């Protein structure tokens, strides 16, 4: 397998992404930011669900 083919393999890309997201400061920041956004969206959805439920009761 040539070096060029190795660069396009899925395993190579996944290893590189894993390294980037876990070992570099920019990658860790991106992971933390994505998790914060996900938690914020979940909290908003739960809050809206409770608000709709309470409005529907009355």
PDB file of N, CA and C in Angstrom:
ATOM      1  N   UNK A   1       0.854  -1.173   0.000  1.00  0.00           N
ATOM      2  CA  UNK A   1       0.000   0.000   0.000  1.00  0.00           C
ATOM      3  C   UNK A   1       0.900   1.235   0.000  1.00  0.00           C
ATOM      4  N   UNK A   2       0.640   2.109  -0.913  1.00  0.00           N
ATOM      5  CA  UNK A   2       1.466   3.314  -0.980  1.00  0.00           C
ATOM      6  C   UNK A   2       1.028   4.311   0.085  1.00  0.00           C
ATOM      7  N   UNK A   3       1.872   5.283   0.309  1.00  0.00           N
ATOM      8  CA  UNK A   3       1.582   6.293   1.321  1.00  0.00           C
ATOM      9  C   UNK A   3       0.351   7.102   0.949  1.00  0.00           C
ATOM     10  N   UNK A   4       0.157   7.351  -0.361  1.00  0.00           N
ATOM     11  CA  UNK A   4      -0.999   8.129  -0.796  1.00  0.00           C
ATOM     12  C   UNK A   4      -2.298   7.381  -0.501  1.00  0.00           C
ATOM     13  N   UNK A   5      -2.311   6.069  -0.722  1.00  0.00           N
ATOM     14  CA  UNK A   5      -3.510   5.290  -0.427  1.00  0.00           C
ATOM     15  C   UNK A   5      -3.777   5.253   1.075  1.00  0.00           C
ATOM     16  N   UNK A   6      -2.726   5.201   1.868  1.00  0.00           N
ATOM     17  CA  UNK A   6      -2.884   5.172   3.320  1.00  0.00           C
ATOM     18  C   UNK A   6      -3.531   6.463   3.814  1.00  0.00           C
ATOM     19  N   UNK A   7      -3.203   7.587   3.191  1.00  0.00           N
ATOM     20  CA  UNK A   7      -3.761   8.865   3.610  1.00  0.00           C
ATOM     21  C   UNK A   7      -5.270   8.939   3.412  1.00  0.00           C
ATOM     22  N   UNK A   8      -5.807   8.143   2.498  1.00  0.00           N
ATOM     23  CA  UNK A   8      -7.234   8.197   2.222  1.00  0.00           C
ATOM     24  C   UNK A   8      -8.013   7.066   2.886  1.00  0.00           C
ATOM     25  N   UNK A   9      -7.357   6.211   3.642  1.00  0.00           N
ATOM     26  CA  UNK A   9      -8.064   5.103   4.275  1.00  0.00           C
ATOM     27  C   UNK A   9      -8.903   5.621   5.447  1.00  0.00           C
ATOM     28  N   UNK A  10     -10.006   4.955   5.686  1.00  0.00           N
ATOM     29  CA  UNK A  10     -10.917   5.360   6.753  1.00  0.00           C
ATOM     30  C   UNK A  10     -10.264   5.206   8.125  1.00  0.00           C
ATOM     31  N   UNK A  11      -9.518   4.135   8.319  1.00  0.00           N
ATOM     32  CA  UNK A  11      -8.870   3.917   9.616  1.00  0.00           C
ATOM     33  C   UNK A  11      -7.870   5.033   9.915  1.00  0.00           C
ATOM     34  N   UNK A  12      -7.113   5.450   8.909  1.00  0.00           N
ATOM     35  CA  UNK A  12      -6.143   6.533   9.099  1.00  0.00           C
ATOM     36  C   UNK A  12      -6.853   7.825   9.478  1.00  0.00           C
ATOM     37  N   UNK A  13      -7.951   8.129   8.793  1.00  0.00           N
ATOM     38  CA  UNK A  13      -8.698   9.357   9.083  1.00  0.00           C
ATOM     39  C   UNK A  13      -9.294   9.315  10.487  1.00  0.00           C
ATOM     40  N   UNK A  14      -9.838   8.166  10.878  1.00  0.00           N
ATOM     41  CA  UNK A  14     -10.421   8.047  12.215  1.00  0.00           C
ATOM     42  C   UNK A  14      -9.363   8.187  13.301  1.00  0.00           C
ATOM     43  N   UNK A  15      -8.177   7.597  13.081  1.00  0.00           N
ATOM     44  CA  UNK A  15      -7.092   7.754  14.056  1.00  0.00           C
ATOM     45  C   UNK A  15      -6.660   9.204  14.154  1.00  0.00           C
ATOM     46  N   UNK A  16      -6.586   9.884  13.018  1.00  0.00           N
ATOM     47  CA  UNK A  16      -6.175  11.289  13.025  1.00  0.00           C
ATOM     48  C   UNK A  16      -7.214  12.148  13.745  1.00  0.00           C
ATOM     49  N   UNK A  17      -8.503  11.917  13.481  1.00  0.00           N
ATOM     50  CA  UNK A  17      -9.565  12.682  14.145  1.00  0.00           C
ATOM     51  C   UNK A  17      -9.533  12.416  15.650  1.00  0.00           C
ATOM     52  N   UNK A  18      -9.361  11.152  16.047  1.00  0.00           N
ATOM     53  CA  UNK A  18      -9.294  10.817  17.476  1.00  0.00           C
ATOM     54  C   UNK A  18      -8.127  11.530  18.140  1.00  0.00           C
ATOM     55  N   UNK A  19      -6.968  11.529  17.481  1.00  0.00           N
ATOM     56  CA  UNK A  19      -5.799  12.221  18.024  1.00  0.00           C
ATOM     57  C   UNK A  19      -6.079  13.712  18.147  1.00  0.00           C
ATOM     58  N   UNK A  20      -6.654  14.299  17.100  1.00  0.00           N
ATOM     59  CA  UNK A  20      -6.919  15.738  17.095  1.00  0.00           C
ATOM     60  C   UNK A  20      -7.867  16.127  18.223  1.00  0.00           C
ATOM     61  N   UNK A  21      -8.940  15.346  18.395  1.00  0.00           N
ATOM     62  CA  UNK A  21      -9.957  15.706  19.385  1.00  0.00           C
ATOM     63  C   UNK A  21      -9.530  15.413  20.821  1.00  0.00           C
ATOM     64  N   UNK A  22      -8.580  14.520  21.032  1.00  0.00           N
ATOM     65  CA  UNK A  22      -8.200  14.165  22.396  1.00  0.00           C
ATOM     66  C   UNK A  22      -6.853  14.718  22.833  1.00  0.00           C
ATOM     67  N   UNK A  23      -5.961  14.985  21.907  1.00  0.00           N
ATOM     68  CA  UNK A  23      -4.598  15.363  22.283  1.00  0.00           C
ATOM     69  C   UNK A  23      -4.265  16.833  22.060  1.00  0.00           C
ATOM     70  N   UNK A  24      -4.971  17.526  21.177  1.00  0.00           N
ATOM     71  CA  UNK A  24      -4.634  18.925  20.909  1.00  0.00           C
ATOM     72  C   UNK A  24      -5.557  19.839  21.702  1.00  0.00           C
ATOM     73  N   UNK A  25      -5.056  21.009  22.055  1.00  0.00           N
ATOM     74  CA  UNK A  25      -5.876  21.936  22.840  1.00  0.00           C
ATOM     75  C   UNK A  25      -7.047  22.460  22.023  1.00  0.00           C
ATOM     76  N   UNK A  26      -6.840  22.716  20.746  1.00  0.00           N
ATOM     77  CA  UNK A  26      -7.941  23.193  19.905  1.00  0.00           C
ATOM     78  C   UNK A  26      -9.020  22.118  19.764  1.00  0.00           C
ATOM     79  N   UNK A  27      -8.612  20.873  19.605  1.00  0.00           N
ATOM     80  CA  UNK A  27      -9.569  19.776  19.491  1.00  0.00           C
ATOM     81  C   UNK A  27     -10.366  19.588  20.773  1.00  0.00           C
ATOM     82  N   UNK A  28      -9.687  19.653  21.921  1.00  0.00           N
ATOM     83  CA  UNK A  28     -10.406  19.525  23.202  1.00  0.00           C
ATOM     84  C   UNK A  28     -11.380  20.679  23.394  1.00  0.00           C
ATOM     85  N   UNK A  29     -10.991  21.887  22.960  1.00  0.00           N
ATOM     86  CA  UNK A  29     -11.895  23.028  23.047  1.00  0.00           C
ATOM     87  C   UNK A  29     -13.124  22.793  22.187  1.00  0.00           C
ATOM     88  N   UNK A  30     -12.932  22.262  20.978  1.00  0.00           N
ATOM     89  CA  UNK A  30     -14.070  22.006  20.095  1.00  0.00           C
ATOM     90  C   UNK A  30     -15.004  20.962  20.683  1.00  0.00           C
ATOM     91  N   UNK A  31     -14.446  19.918  21.276  1.00  0.00           N
ATOM     92  CA  UNK A  31     -15.281  18.885  21.906  1.00  0.00           C
ATOM     93  C   UNK A  31     -16.071  19.488  23.059  1.00  0.00           C
ATOM     94  N   UNK A  32     -15.400  20.277  23.895  1.00  0.00           N
ATOM     95  CA  UNK A  32     -16.082  20.905  25.035  1.00  0.00           C
ATOM     96  C   UNK A  32     -17.186  21.838  24.549  1.00  0.00           C
ATOM     97  N   UNK A  33     -16.906  22.599  23.506  1.00  0.00           N
ATOM     98  CA  UNK A  33     -17.900  23.531  22.976  1.00  0.00           C
ATOM     99  C   UNK A  33     -19.108  22.774  22.418  1.00  0.00           C
ATOM    100  N   UNK A  34     -18.872  21.700  21.687  1.00  0.00           N
ATOM    101  CA  UNK A  34     -19.978  20.901  21.144  1.00  0.00           C
ATOM    102  C   UNK A  34     -20.821  20.300  22.266  1.00  0.00           C
ATOM    103  N   UNK A  35     -20.170  19.831  23.320  1.00  0.00           N
ATOM    104  CA  UNK A  35     -20.921  19.277  24.452  1.00  0.00           C
ATOM    105  C   UNK A  35     -21.741  20.349  25.159  1.00  0.00           C
ATOM    106  N   UNK A  36     -21.175  21.550  25.303  1.00  0.00           N
ATOM    107  CA  UNK A  36     -21.922  22.646  25.923  1.00  0.00           C
ATOM    108  C   UNK A  36     -23.148  23.010  25.093  1.00  0.00           C
ATOM    109  N   UNK A  37     -23.000  23.059  23.781  1.00  0.00           N
ATOM    110  CA  UNK A  37     -24.133  23.373  22.903  1.00  0.00           C
ATOM    111  C   UNK A  37     -25.187  22.275  23.002  1.00  0.00           C
ATOM    112  N   UNK A  38     -24.758  21.017  23.015  1.00  0.00           N
ATOM    113  CA  UNK A  38     -25.696  19.902  23.120  1.00  0.00           C
ATOM    114  C   UNK A  38     -26.466  19.950  24.437  1.00  0.00           C
ATOM    115  N   UNK A  39     -25.778  20.208  25.537  1.00  0.00           N
ATOM    116  CA  UNK A  39     -26.441  20.310  26.842  1.00  0.00           C
ATOM    117  C   UNK A  39     -27.416  21.482  26.850  1.00  0.00           C
ATOM    118  N   UNK A  40     -27.030  22.613  26.270  1.00  0.00           N
ATOM    119  CA  UNK A  40     -27.916  23.770  26.198  1.00  0.00           C
ATOM    120  C   UNK A  40     -29.184  23.445  25.412  1.00  0.00           C
ATOM    121  N   UNK A  41     -29.039  22.758  24.286  1.00  0.00           N
ATOM    122  CA  UNK A  41     -30.207  22.390  23.479  1.00  0.00           C
ATOM    123  C   UNK A  41     -31.105  21.432  24.250  1.00  0.00           C
ATOM    124  N   UNK A  42     -30.525  20.467  24.951  1.00  0.00           N
ATOM    125  CA  UNK A  42     -31.321  19.515  25.733  1.00  0.00           C
ATOM    126  C   UNK A  42     -32.082  20.239  26.837  1.00  0.00           C
ATOM    127  N   UNK A  43     -31.430  21.173  27.529  1.00  0.00           N
ATOM    128  CA  UNK A  43     -32.102  21.931  28.589  1.00  0.00           C
ATOM    129  C   UNK A  43     -33.243  22.759  28.011  1.00  0.00           C
ATOM    130  N   UNK A  44     -33.019  23.393  26.866  1.00  0.00           N
ATOM    131  CA  UNK A  44     -34.083  24.187  26.238  1.00  0.00           C
ATOM    132  C   UNK A  44     -35.264  23.312  25.839  1.00  0.00           C
ATOM    133  N   UNK A  45     -34.993  22.150  25.273  1.00  0.00           N
ATOM    134  CA  UNK A  45     -36.073  21.243  24.872  1.00  0.00           C
ATOM    135  C   UNK A  45     -36.853  20.775  26.091  1.00  0.00           C
ATOM    136  N   UNK A  46     -36.161  20.420  27.162  1.00  0.00           N
ATOM    137  CA  UNK A  46     -36.859  19.990  28.377  1.00  0.00           C
ATOM    138  C   UNK A  46     -37.691  21.120  28.975  1.00  0.00           C
ATOM    139  N   UNK A  47     -37.147  22.327  28.989  1.00  0.00           N
ATOM    140  CA  UNK A  47     -37.885  23.477  29.504  1.00  0.00           C
ATOM    141  C   UNK A  47     -39.136  23.736  28.667  1.00  0.00           C
ATOM    142  N   UNK A  48     -39.003  23.692  27.343  1.00  0.00           N
ATOM    143  CA  UNK A  48     -40.167  23.905  26.487  1.00  0.00           C
ATOM    144  C   UNK A  48     -41.186  22.784  26.649  1.00  0.00           C
ATOM    145  N   UNK A  49     -40.721  21.563  26.843  1.00  0.00           N
ATOM    146  CA  UNK A  49     -41.631  20.445  27.056  1.00  0.00           C
ATOM    147  C   UNK A  49     -42.445  20.645  28.330  1.00  0.00           C
ATOM    148  N   UNK A  50     -41.792  21.079  29.395  1.00  0.00           N
ATOM    149  CA  UNK A  50     -42.498  21.351  30.653  1.00  0.00           C
ATOM    150  C   UNK A  50     -43.461  22.519  30.476  1.00  0.00           C
ATOM    151  N   UNK A  51     -43.040  23.566  29.780  1.00  0.00           N
ATOM    152  CA  UNK A  51     -43.910  24.725  29.566  1.00  0.00           C
ATOM    153  C   UNK A  51     -45.142  24.342  28.759  1.00  0.00           C
ATOM    154  N   UNK A  52     -44.963  23.561  27.720  1.00  0.00           N
ATOM    155  CA  UNK A  52     -46.112  23.125  26.911  1.00  0.00           C
ATOM    156  C   UNK A  52     -47.025  22.231  27.740  1.00  0.00           C
ATOM    157  N   UNK A  53     -46.448  21.353  28.548  1.00  0.00           N
ATOM    158  CA  UNK A  53     -47.247  20.477  29.394  1.00  0.00           C
ATOM    159  C   UNK A  53     -48.069  21.288  30.394  1.00  0.00           C
ATOM    160  N   UNK A  54     -47.441  22.285  31.031  1.00  0.00           N
ATOM    161  CA  UNK A  54     -48.159  23.094  32.017  1.00  0.00           C
ATOM    162  C   UNK A  54     -49.238  23.947  31.359  1.00  0.00           C
ATOM    163  N   UNK A  55     -48.979  24.471  30.186  1.00  0.00           N
ATOM    164  CA  UNK A  55     -49.987  25.272  29.482  1.00  0.00           C
ATOM    165  C   UNK A  55     -51.145  24.400  29.008  1.00  0.00           C
ATOM    166  N   UNK A  56     -50.867  23.162  28.691  1.00  0.00           N
ATOM    167  CA  UNK A  56     -51.910  22.261  28.206  1.00  0.00           C
ATOM    168  C   UNK A  56     -52.835  21.826  29.343  1.00  0.00           C
ATOM    169  N   UNK A  57     -52.328  21.776  30.573  1.00  0.00           N
ATOM    170  CA  UNK A  57     -53.133  21.363  31.719  1.00  0.00           C
ATOM    171  C   UNK A  57     -54.215  22.399  32.010  1.00  0.00           C
ATOM    172  N   UNK A  58     -53.869  23.671  31.919  1.00  0.00           N
ATOM    173  CA  UNK A  58     -54.813  24.728  32.303  1.00  0.00           C
ATOM    174  C   UNK A  58     -55.886  24.940  31.292  1.00  0.00           C
TER     175      UNK A  58
END
